[in-house]
Full PDB file with SEQRES, HELIX, SHEET, SSBOND, CRYST1, ORIGX, SCALE, CONECT and MASTER records, all heavy atoms in Angstrom:
SEQRES   1 A   30  TYR SER ILE GLU ALA TRP ILE TRP PRO GLY VAL GLU LYS          
SEQRES   2 A   30  THR PRO TRP PHE GLY VAL GLU ILE ASP GLU GLY THR LYS          
SEQRES   3 A   30  GLN TRP HIS HIS                                              
SHEET    1 AA1 2 THR A  14  TRP A  16  0                                        
SHEET    2 AA1 2 VAL A  19  ILE A  21 -1                                        
CRYST1    1.000    1.000    1.000  90.00  90.00  90.00 P 1           1          
ORIGX1      1.000000  0.000000  0.000000        0.00000                         
ORIGX2      0.000000  1.000000  0.000000        0.00000                         
ORIGX3      0.000000  0.000000  1.000000        0.00000                         
SCALE1      1.000000  0.000000  0.000000        0.00000                         
SCALE2      0.000000  1.000000  0.000000        0.00000                         
SCALE3      0.000000  0.000000  1.000000        0.00000                         
ATOM      1  N   TYR A   1       0.839  -1.201   0.000  1.00  0.00           N  
ATOM      2  CA  TYR A   1       0.000   0.000   0.000  1.00  0.00           C  
ATOM      3  C   TYR A   1       0.873   1.251   0.000  1.00  0.00           C  
ATOM      4  O   TYR A   1       2.097   1.176   0.167  1.00  0.00           O  
ATOM      5  CB  TYR A   1      -0.939   0.005   1.208  1.00  0.00           C  
ATOM      6  CG  TYR A   1      -0.235   0.022   2.550  1.00  0.00           C  
ATOM      7  CD1 TYR A   1       0.096   1.219   3.179  1.00  0.00           C  
ATOM      8  CD2 TYR A   1       0.088  -1.175   3.195  1.00  0.00           C  
ATOM      9  CE1 TYR A   1       0.734   1.230   4.411  1.00  0.00           C  
ATOM     10  CE2 TYR A   1       0.731  -1.166   4.421  1.00  0.00           C  
ATOM     11  CZ  TYR A   1       1.052   0.037   5.022  1.00  0.00           C  
ATOM     12  OH  TYR A   1       1.695   0.047   6.231  1.00  0.00           O  
ATOM     13  N   SER A   2       0.239   2.402  -0.158  1.00  0.00           N  
ATOM     14  CA  SER A   2       0.919   3.699  -0.099  1.00  0.00           C  
ATOM     15  C   SER A   2       0.081   4.661   0.734  1.00  0.00           C  
ATOM     16  O   SER A   2      -1.150   4.605   0.688  1.00  0.00           O  
ATOM     17  CB  SER A   2       1.120   4.293  -1.500  1.00  0.00           C  
ATOM     18  OG  SER A   2       1.869   3.439  -2.324  1.00  0.00           O  
ATOM     19  N   ILE A   3       0.754   5.529   1.467  1.00  0.00           N  
ATOM     20  CA  ILE A   3       0.089   6.613   2.198  1.00  0.00           C  
ATOM     21  C   ILE A   3       0.766   7.921   1.787  1.00  0.00           C  
ATOM     22  O   ILE A   3       1.950   8.139   2.052  1.00  0.00           O  
ATOM     23  CB  ILE A   3       0.175   6.429   3.722  1.00  0.00           C  
ATOM     24  CG1 ILE A   3      -0.492   5.112   4.138  1.00  0.00           C  
ATOM     25  CG2 ILE A   3      -0.477   7.607   4.439  1.00  0.00           C  
ATOM     26  CD1 ILE A   3      -0.384   4.803   5.610  1.00  0.00           C  
ATOM     27  N   GLU A   4      -0.005   8.769   1.130  1.00  0.00           N  
ATOM     28  CA  GLU A   4       0.489  10.051   0.641  1.00  0.00           C  
ATOM     29  C   GLU A   4      -0.065  11.157   1.531  1.00  0.00           C  
ATOM     30  O   GLU A   4      -1.234  11.122   1.916  1.00  0.00           O  
ATOM     31  CB  GLU A   4       0.018  10.250  -0.798  1.00  0.00           C  
ATOM     32  CG  GLU A   4       0.506  11.506  -1.477  1.00  0.00           C  
ATOM     33  CD  GLU A   4      -0.010  11.618  -2.908  1.00  0.00           C  
ATOM     34  OE1 GLU A   4      -1.086  11.053  -3.205  1.00  0.00           O  
ATOM     35  OE2 GLU A   4       0.657  12.271  -3.720  1.00  0.00           O  
ATOM     36  N   ALA A   5       0.772  12.127   1.881  1.00  0.00           N  
ATOM     37  CA  ALA A   5       0.303  13.211   2.757  1.00  0.00           C  
ATOM     38  C   ALA A   5       1.230  14.408   2.632  1.00  0.00           C  
ATOM     39  O   ALA A   5       2.393  14.293   2.241  1.00  0.00           O  
ATOM     40  CB  ALA A   5       0.257  12.747   4.206  1.00  0.00           C  
ATOM     41  N   TRP A   6       0.684  15.561   2.971  1.00  0.00           N  
ATOM     42  CA  TRP A   6       1.482  16.783   3.122  1.00  0.00           C  
ATOM     43  C   TRP A   6       1.648  17.032   4.618  1.00  0.00           C  
ATOM     44  O   TRP A   6       0.677  16.917   5.387  1.00  0.00           O  
ATOM     45  CB  TRP A   6       0.791  17.965   2.469  1.00  0.00           C  
ATOM     46  CG  TRP A   6       0.855  17.952   0.976  1.00  0.00           C  
ATOM     47  CD1 TRP A   6       0.000  17.318   0.123  1.00  0.00           C  
ATOM     48  CD2 TRP A   6       1.834  18.596   0.154  1.00  0.00           C  
ATOM     49  NE1 TRP A   6       0.383  17.526  -1.176  1.00  0.00           N  
ATOM     50  CE2 TRP A   6       1.506  18.310  -1.193  1.00  0.00           C  
ATOM     51  CE3 TRP A   6       2.954  19.390   0.415  1.00  0.00           C  
ATOM     52  CZ2 TRP A   6       2.260  18.788  -2.267  1.00  0.00           C  
ATOM     53  CZ3 TRP A   6       3.707  19.869  -0.653  1.00  0.00           C  
ATOM     54  CH2 TRP A   6       3.355  19.564  -1.975  1.00  0.00           C  
ATOM     55  N   ILE A   7       2.867  17.344   5.035  1.00  0.00           N  
ATOM     56  CA  ILE A   7       3.128  17.611   6.447  1.00  0.00           C  
ATOM     57  C   ILE A   7       3.851  18.941   6.604  1.00  0.00           C  
ATOM     58  O   ILE A   7       4.576  19.387   5.708  1.00  0.00           O  
ATOM     59  CB  ILE A   7       3.945  16.476   7.106  1.00  0.00           C  
ATOM     60  CG1 ILE A   7       5.338  16.366   6.473  1.00  0.00           C  
ATOM     61  CG2 ILE A   7       3.190  15.154   7.021  1.00  0.00           C  
ATOM     62  CD1 ILE A   7       6.268  15.409   7.204  1.00  0.00           C  
ATOM     63  N   TRP A   8       3.628  19.563   7.750  1.00  0.00           N  
ATOM     64  CA  TRP A   8       4.210  20.871   8.105  1.00  0.00           C  
ATOM     65  C   TRP A   8       4.831  20.702   9.479  1.00  0.00           C  
ATOM     66  O   TRP A   8       4.149  20.881  10.489  1.00  0.00           O  
ATOM     67  CB  TRP A   8       3.105  21.905   8.100  1.00  0.00           C  
ATOM     68  CG  TRP A   8       3.441  23.351   8.311  1.00  0.00           C  
ATOM     69  CD1 TRP A   8       3.681  24.282   7.355  1.00  0.00           C  
ATOM     70  CD2 TRP A   8       3.485  24.061   9.565  1.00  0.00           C  
ATOM     71  NE1 TRP A   8       3.876  25.517   7.917  1.00  0.00           N  
ATOM     72  CE2 TRP A   8       3.764  25.420   9.273  1.00  0.00           C  
ATOM     73  CE3 TRP A   8       3.317  23.687  10.898  1.00  0.00           C  
ATOM     74  CZ2 TRP A   8       3.885  26.388  10.267  1.00  0.00           C  
ATOM     75  CZ3 TRP A   8       3.443  24.651  11.894  1.00  0.00           C  
ATOM     76  CH2 TRP A   8       3.722  25.984  11.575  1.00  0.00           C  
ATOM     77  N   PRO A   9       6.110  20.280   9.567  1.00  0.00           N  
ATOM     78  CA  PRO A   9       6.712  20.053  10.887  1.00  0.00           C  
ATOM     79  C   PRO A   9       6.734  21.322  11.723  1.00  0.00           C  
ATOM     80  O   PRO A   9       7.191  22.367  11.266  1.00  0.00           O  
ATOM     81  CB  PRO A   9       8.137  19.578  10.542  1.00  0.00           C  
ATOM     82  CG  PRO A   9       8.061  19.109   9.124  1.00  0.00           C  
ATOM     83  CD  PRO A   9       7.043  19.990   8.471  1.00  0.00           C  
ATOM     84  N   GLY A  10       6.242  21.214  12.938  1.00  0.00           N  
ATOM     85  CA  GLY A  10       6.228  22.377  13.815  1.00  0.00           C  
ATOM     86  C   GLY A  10       7.493  22.521  14.636  1.00  0.00           C  
ATOM     87  O   GLY A  10       7.761  23.586  15.189  1.00  0.00           O  
ATOM     88  N   VAL A  11       8.268  21.432  14.725  1.00  0.00           N  
ATOM     89  CA  VAL A  11       9.533  21.447  15.468  1.00  0.00           C  
ATOM     90  C   VAL A  11      10.570  20.696  14.639  1.00  0.00           C  
ATOM     91  O   VAL A  11      10.243  19.972  13.699  1.00  0.00           O  
ATOM     92  CB  VAL A  11       9.391  20.776  16.856  1.00  0.00           C  
ATOM     93  CG1 VAL A  11       8.420  21.551  17.731  1.00  0.00           C  
ATOM     94  CG2 VAL A  11       8.936  19.326  16.708  1.00  0.00           C  
ATOM     95  N   GLU A  12      11.831  20.845  14.994  1.00  0.00           N  
ATOM     96  CA  GLU A  12      12.896  20.186  14.261  1.00  0.00           C  
ATOM     97  C   GLU A  12      12.923  18.689  14.550  1.00  0.00           C  
ATOM     98  O   GLU A  12      12.638  18.244  15.672  1.00  0.00           O  
ATOM     99  CB  GLU A  12      14.251  20.800  14.621  1.00  0.00           C  
ATOM    100  CG  GLU A  12      14.413  22.248  14.174  1.00  0.00           C  
ATOM    101  CD  GLU A  12      15.783  22.800  14.490  1.00  0.00           C  
ATOM    102  OE1 GLU A  12      16.570  22.084  15.154  1.00  0.00           O  
ATOM    103  OE2 GLU A  12      16.068  23.940  14.090  1.00  0.00           O  
ATOM    104  N   LYS A  13      13.256  17.901  13.531  1.00  0.00           N  
ATOM    105  CA  LYS A  13      13.480  16.461  13.644  1.00  0.00           C  
ATOM    106  C   LYS A  13      12.321  15.727  14.298  1.00  0.00           C  
ATOM    107  O   LYS A  13      12.500  14.875  15.161  1.00  0.00           O  
ATOM    108  CB  LYS A  13      14.780  16.186  14.397  1.00  0.00           C  
ATOM    109  CG  LYS A  13      16.016  16.708  13.669  1.00  0.00           C  
ATOM    110  CD  LYS A  13      17.292  16.346  14.397  1.00  0.00           C  
ATOM    111  CE  LYS A  13      18.507  16.843  13.631  1.00  0.00           C  
ATOM    112  NZ  LYS A  13      19.784  16.500  14.306  1.00  0.00           N  
ATOM    113  N   THR A  14      11.112  16.059  13.888  1.00  0.00           N  
ATOM    114  CA  THR A  14       9.948  15.354  14.395  1.00  0.00           C  
ATOM    115  C   THR A  14       9.731  14.106  13.540  1.00  0.00           C  
ATOM    116  O   THR A  14       9.912  14.145  12.315  1.00  0.00           O  
ATOM    117  CB  THR A  14       8.711  16.271  14.391  1.00  0.00           C  
ATOM    118  OG1 THR A  14       7.614  15.585  14.994  1.00  0.00           O  
ATOM    119  CG2 THR A  14       8.320  16.710  12.988  1.00  0.00           C  
ATOM    120  N   PRO A  15       9.370  12.955  14.125  1.00  0.00           N  
ATOM    121  CA  PRO A  15       9.288  11.714  13.350  1.00  0.00           C  
ATOM    122  C   PRO A  15       7.995  11.591  12.548  1.00  0.00           C  
ATOM    123  O   PRO A  15       6.916  11.931  13.028  1.00  0.00           O  
ATOM    124  CB  PRO A  15       9.362  10.631  14.428  1.00  0.00           C  
ATOM    125  CG  PRO A  15       8.785  11.279  15.650  1.00  0.00           C  
ATOM    126  CD  PRO A  15       9.185  12.723  15.567  1.00  0.00           C  
ATOM    127  N   TRP A  16       8.131  11.112  11.330  1.00  0.00           N  
ATOM    128  CA  TRP A  16       6.988  10.802  10.467  1.00  0.00           C  
ATOM    129  C   TRP A  16       7.171   9.362  10.015  1.00  0.00           C  
ATOM    130  O   TRP A  16       8.123   9.049   9.318  1.00  0.00           O  
ATOM    131  CB  TRP A  16       6.927  11.764   9.289  1.00  0.00           C  
ATOM    132  CG  TRP A  16       5.733  11.588   8.392  1.00  0.00           C  
ATOM    133  CD1 TRP A  16       5.735  11.143   7.092  1.00  0.00           C  
ATOM    134  CD2 TRP A  16       4.366  11.856   8.715  1.00  0.00           C  
ATOM    135  NE1 TRP A  16       4.457  11.116   6.586  1.00  0.00           N  
ATOM    136  CE2 TRP A  16       3.597  11.557   7.569  1.00  0.00           C  
ATOM    137  CE3 TRP A  16       3.723  12.322   9.860  1.00  0.00           C  
ATOM    138  CZ2 TRP A  16       2.212  11.698   7.535  1.00  0.00           C  
ATOM    139  CZ3 TRP A  16       2.353  12.471   9.822  1.00  0.00           C  
ATOM    140  CH2 TRP A  16       1.607  12.168   8.682  1.00  0.00           C  
ATOM    141  N   PHE A  17       6.295   8.487  10.461  1.00  0.00           N  
ATOM    142  CA  PHE A  17       6.438   7.048  10.248  1.00  0.00           C  
ATOM    143  C   PHE A  17       7.811   6.560  10.701  1.00  0.00           C  
ATOM    144  O   PHE A  17       8.486   5.779  10.027  1.00  0.00           O  
ATOM    145  CB  PHE A  17       6.183   6.675   8.785  1.00  0.00           C  
ATOM    146  CG  PHE A  17       4.740   6.809   8.387  1.00  0.00           C  
ATOM    147  CD1 PHE A  17       4.353   7.783   7.481  1.00  0.00           C  
ATOM    148  CD2 PHE A  17       3.771   5.975   8.935  1.00  0.00           C  
ATOM    149  CE1 PHE A  17       3.021   7.916   7.120  1.00  0.00           C  
ATOM    150  CE2 PHE A  17       2.440   6.107   8.580  1.00  0.00           C  
ATOM    151  CZ  PHE A  17       2.057   7.072   7.678  1.00  0.00           C  
ATOM    152  N   GLY A  18       8.222   7.046  11.862  1.00  0.00           N  
ATOM    153  CA  GLY A  18       9.454   6.584  12.486  1.00  0.00           C  
ATOM    154  C   GLY A  18      10.726   7.189  11.939  1.00  0.00           C  
ATOM    155  O   GLY A  18      11.819   6.845  12.397  1.00  0.00           O  
ATOM    156  N   VAL A  19      10.633   8.100  10.994  1.00  0.00           N  
ATOM    157  CA  VAL A  19      11.813   8.722  10.391  1.00  0.00           C  
ATOM    158  C   VAL A  19      11.831  10.202  10.750  1.00  0.00           C  
ATOM    159  O   VAL A  19      10.844  10.911  10.520  1.00  0.00           O  
ATOM    160  CB  VAL A  19      11.799   8.558   8.858  1.00  0.00           C  
ATOM    161  CG1 VAL A  19      13.026   9.230   8.242  1.00  0.00           C  
ATOM    162  CG2 VAL A  19      11.737   7.087   8.476  1.00  0.00           C  
ATOM    163  N   GLU A  20      12.938  10.678  11.308  1.00  0.00           N  
ATOM    164  CA  GLU A  20      13.038  12.092  11.665  1.00  0.00           C  
ATOM    165  C   GLU A  20      13.043  12.955  10.408  1.00  0.00           C  
ATOM    166  O   GLU A  20      13.843  12.735   9.495  1.00  0.00           O  
ATOM    167  CB  GLU A  20      14.305  12.352  12.477  1.00  0.00           C  
ATOM    168  CG  GLU A  20      14.234  11.837  13.899  1.00  0.00           C  
ATOM    169  CD  GLU A  20      15.420  12.296  14.724  1.00  0.00           C  
ATOM    170  OE1 GLU A  20      16.378  12.852  14.151  1.00  0.00           O  
ATOM    171  OE2 GLU A  20      15.384  12.094  15.959  1.00  0.00           O  
ATOM    172  N   ILE A  21      12.130  13.915  10.374  1.00  0.00           N  
ATOM    173  CA  ILE A  21      12.032  14.820   9.237  1.00  0.00           C  
ATOM    174  C   ILE A  21      12.872  16.052   9.511  1.00  0.00           C  
ATOM    175  O   ILE A  21      12.640  16.784  10.474  1.00  0.00           O  
ATOM    176  CB  ILE A  21      10.554  15.218   8.981  1.00  0.00           C  
ATOM    177  CG1 ILE A  21       9.710  13.965   8.747  1.00  0.00           C  
ATOM    178  CG2 ILE A  21      10.450  16.169   7.805  1.00  0.00           C  
ATOM    179  CD1 ILE A  21      10.135  13.129   7.554  1.00  0.00           C  
ATOM    180  N   ASP A  22      13.871  16.262   8.670  1.00  0.00           N  
ATOM    181  CA  ASP A  22      14.778  17.394   8.843  1.00  0.00           C  
ATOM    182  C   ASP A  22      14.857  18.179   7.536  1.00  0.00           C  
ATOM    183  O   ASP A  22      15.927  18.516   7.049  1.00  0.00           O  
ATOM    184  CB  ASP A  22      16.163  16.880   9.253  1.00  0.00           C  
ATOM    185  CG  ASP A  22      17.043  17.992   9.808  1.00  0.00           C  
ATOM    186  OD1 ASP A  22      16.503  19.051  10.173  1.00  0.00           O  
ATOM    187  OD2 ASP A  22      18.266  17.798   9.864  1.00  0.00           O  
ATOM    188  N   GLU A  23      13.681  18.445   6.966  1.00  0.00           N  
ATOM    189  CA  GLU A  23      13.603  19.096   5.661  1.00  0.00           C  
ATOM    190  C   GLU A  23      13.241  20.577   5.767  1.00  0.00           C  
ATOM    191  O   GLU A  23      12.991  21.227   4.761  1.00  0.00           O  
ATOM    192  CB  GLU A  23      12.554  18.389   4.791  1.00  0.00           C  
ATOM    193  CG  GLU A  23      12.811  16.915   4.580  1.00  0.00           C  
ATOM    194  CD  GLU A  23      13.965  16.656   3.643  1.00  0.00           C  
ATOM    195  OE1 GLU A  23      14.140  17.437   2.689  1.00  0.00           O  
ATOM    196  OE2 GLU A  23      14.701  15.678   3.864  1.00  0.00           O  
ATOM    197  N   GLY A  24      13.154  21.083   6.983  1.00  0.00           N  
ATOM    198  CA  GLY A  24      12.760  22.487   7.175  1.00  0.00           C  
ATOM    199  C   GLY A  24      11.453  22.576   7.931  1.00  0.00           C  
ATOM    200  O   GLY A  24      10.439  22.034   7.497  1.00  0.00           O  
ATOM    201  N   THR A  25      11.493  23.246   9.071  1.00  0.00           N  
ATOM    202  CA  THR A  25      10.288  23.380   9.873  1.00  0.00           C  
ATOM    203  C   THR A  25       9.390  24.491   9.338  1.00  0.00           C  
ATOM    204  O   THR A  25       9.840  25.390   8.632  1.00  0.00           O  
ATOM    205  CB  THR A  25      10.644  23.682  11.342  1.00  0.00           C  
ATOM    206  OG1 THR A  25      11.386  24.902  11.393  1.00  0.00           O  
ATOM    207  CG2 THR A  25      11.460  22.558  11.948  1.00  0.00           C  
ATOM    208  N   LYS A  26       8.107  24.363   9.678  1.00  0.00           N  
ATOM    209  CA  LYS A  26       7.090  25.362   9.338  1.00  0.00           C  
ATOM    210  C   LYS A  26       7.046  25.629   7.836  1.00  0.00           C  
ATOM    211  O   LYS A  26       6.864  26.761   7.386  1.00  0.00           O  
ATOM    212  CB  LYS A  26       7.318  26.648  10.149  1.00  0.00           C  
ATOM    213  CG  LYS A  26       7.223  26.374  11.651  1.00  0.00           C  
ATOM    214  CD  LYS A  26       7.391  27.614  12.492  1.00  0.00           C  
ATOM    215  CE  LYS A  26       7.281  27.254  13.981  1.00  0.00           C  
ATOM    216  NZ  LYS A  26       7.461  28.413  14.863  1.00  0.00           N  
ATOM    217  N   GLN A  27       7.226  24.551   7.089  1.00  0.00           N  
ATOM    218  CA  GLN A  27       7.074  24.560   5.643  1.00  0.00           C  
ATOM    219  C   GLN A  27       6.338  23.276   5.256  1.00  0.00           C  
ATOM    220  O   GLN A  27       6.449  22.256   5.929  1.00  0.00           O  
ATOM    221  CB  GLN A  27       8.431  24.580   4.937  1.00  0.00           C  
ATOM    222  CG  GLN A  27       9.320  25.762   5.278  1.00  0.00           C  
ATOM    223  CD  GLN A  27      10.689  25.607   4.644  1.00  0.00           C  
ATOM    224  OE1 GLN A  27      10.829  25.152   3.516  1.00  0.00           O  
ATOM    225  NE2 GLN A  27      11.730  25.988   5.382  1.00  0.00           N  
ATOM    226  N   TRP A  28       5.607  23.334   4.143  1.00  0.00           N  
ATOM    227  CA  TRP A  28       4.875  22.157   3.689  1.00  0.00           C  
ATOM    228  C   TRP A  28       5.787  21.251   2.871  1.00  0.00           C  
ATOM    229  O   TRP A  28       6.538  21.722   2.022  1.00  0.00           O  
ATOM    230  CB  TRP A  28       3.657  22.568   2.864  1.00  0.00           C  
ATOM    231  CG  TRP A  28       2.531  23.068   3.700  1.00  0.00           C  
ATOM    232  CD1 TRP A  28       2.109  24.360   3.824  1.00  0.00           C  
ATOM    233  CD2 TRP A  28       1.680  22.288   4.544  1.00  0.00           C  
ATOM    234  NE1 TRP A  28       1.042  24.440   4.688  1.00  0.00           N  
ATOM    235  CE2 TRP A  28       0.759  23.183   5.151  1.00  0.00           C  
ATOM    236  CE3 TRP A  28       1.599  20.936   4.852  1.00  0.00           C  
ATOM    237  CZ2 TRP A  28      -0.230  22.747   6.040  1.00  0.00           C  
ATOM    238  CZ3 TRP A  28       0.622  20.501   5.745  1.00  0.00           C  
ATOM    239  CH2 TRP A  28      -0.269  21.401   6.324  1.00  0.00           C  
ATOM    240  N   HIS A  29       5.695  19.939   3.151  1.00  0.00           N  
ATOM    241  CA  HIS A  29       6.474  18.941   2.445  1.00  0.00           C  
ATOM    242  C   HIS A  29       5.557  17.798   2.006  1.00  0.00           C  
ATOM    243  O   HIS A  29       4.710  17.343   2.779  1.00  0.00           O  
ATOM    244  CB  HIS A  29       7.589  18.380   3.332  1.00  0.00           C  
ATOM    245  CG  HIS A  29       8.520  19.427   3.868  1.00  0.00           C  
ATOM    246  ND1 HIS A  29       9.472  20.024   3.080  1.00  0.00           N  
ATOM    247  CD2 HIS A  29       8.624  19.981   5.109  1.00  0.00           C  
ATOM    248  CE1 HIS A  29      10.151  20.907   3.818  1.00  0.00           C  
ATOM    249  NE2 HIS A  29       9.647  20.898   5.046  1.00  0.00           N  
ATOM    250  N   HIS A  30       5.759  17.337   0.792  1.00  0.00           N  
ATOM    251  CA  HIS A  30       5.002  16.199   0.271  1.00  0.00           C  
ATOM    252  C   HIS A  30       5.693  14.903   0.710  1.00  0.00           C  
ATOM    253  O   HIS A  30       6.911  14.764   0.589  1.00  0.00           O  
ATOM    254  CB  HIS A  30       4.943  16.264  -1.254  1.00  0.00           C  
ATOM    255  CG  HIS A  30       4.208  15.121  -1.876  1.00  0.00           C  
ATOM    256  ND1 HIS A  30       4.829  13.949  -2.258  1.00  0.00           N  
ATOM    257  CD2 HIS A  30       2.893  14.962  -2.177  1.00  0.00           C  
ATOM    258  CE1 HIS A  30       3.936  13.131  -2.779  1.00  0.00           C  
ATOM    259  NE2 HIS A  30       2.757  13.722  -2.739  1.00  0.00           N  
TER     260      HIS A  30                                                      
MASTER        0    0    0    0    2    0    0    6  259    1    0    3          
END                                                                             
């Protein structure tokens, strides 16, 4: 399966499906 979503991290290195997102806070990411 696939899960597609847009996320806007509010803090640095917050996990998304167990992976720390370090792509820029307070910005939208696909």
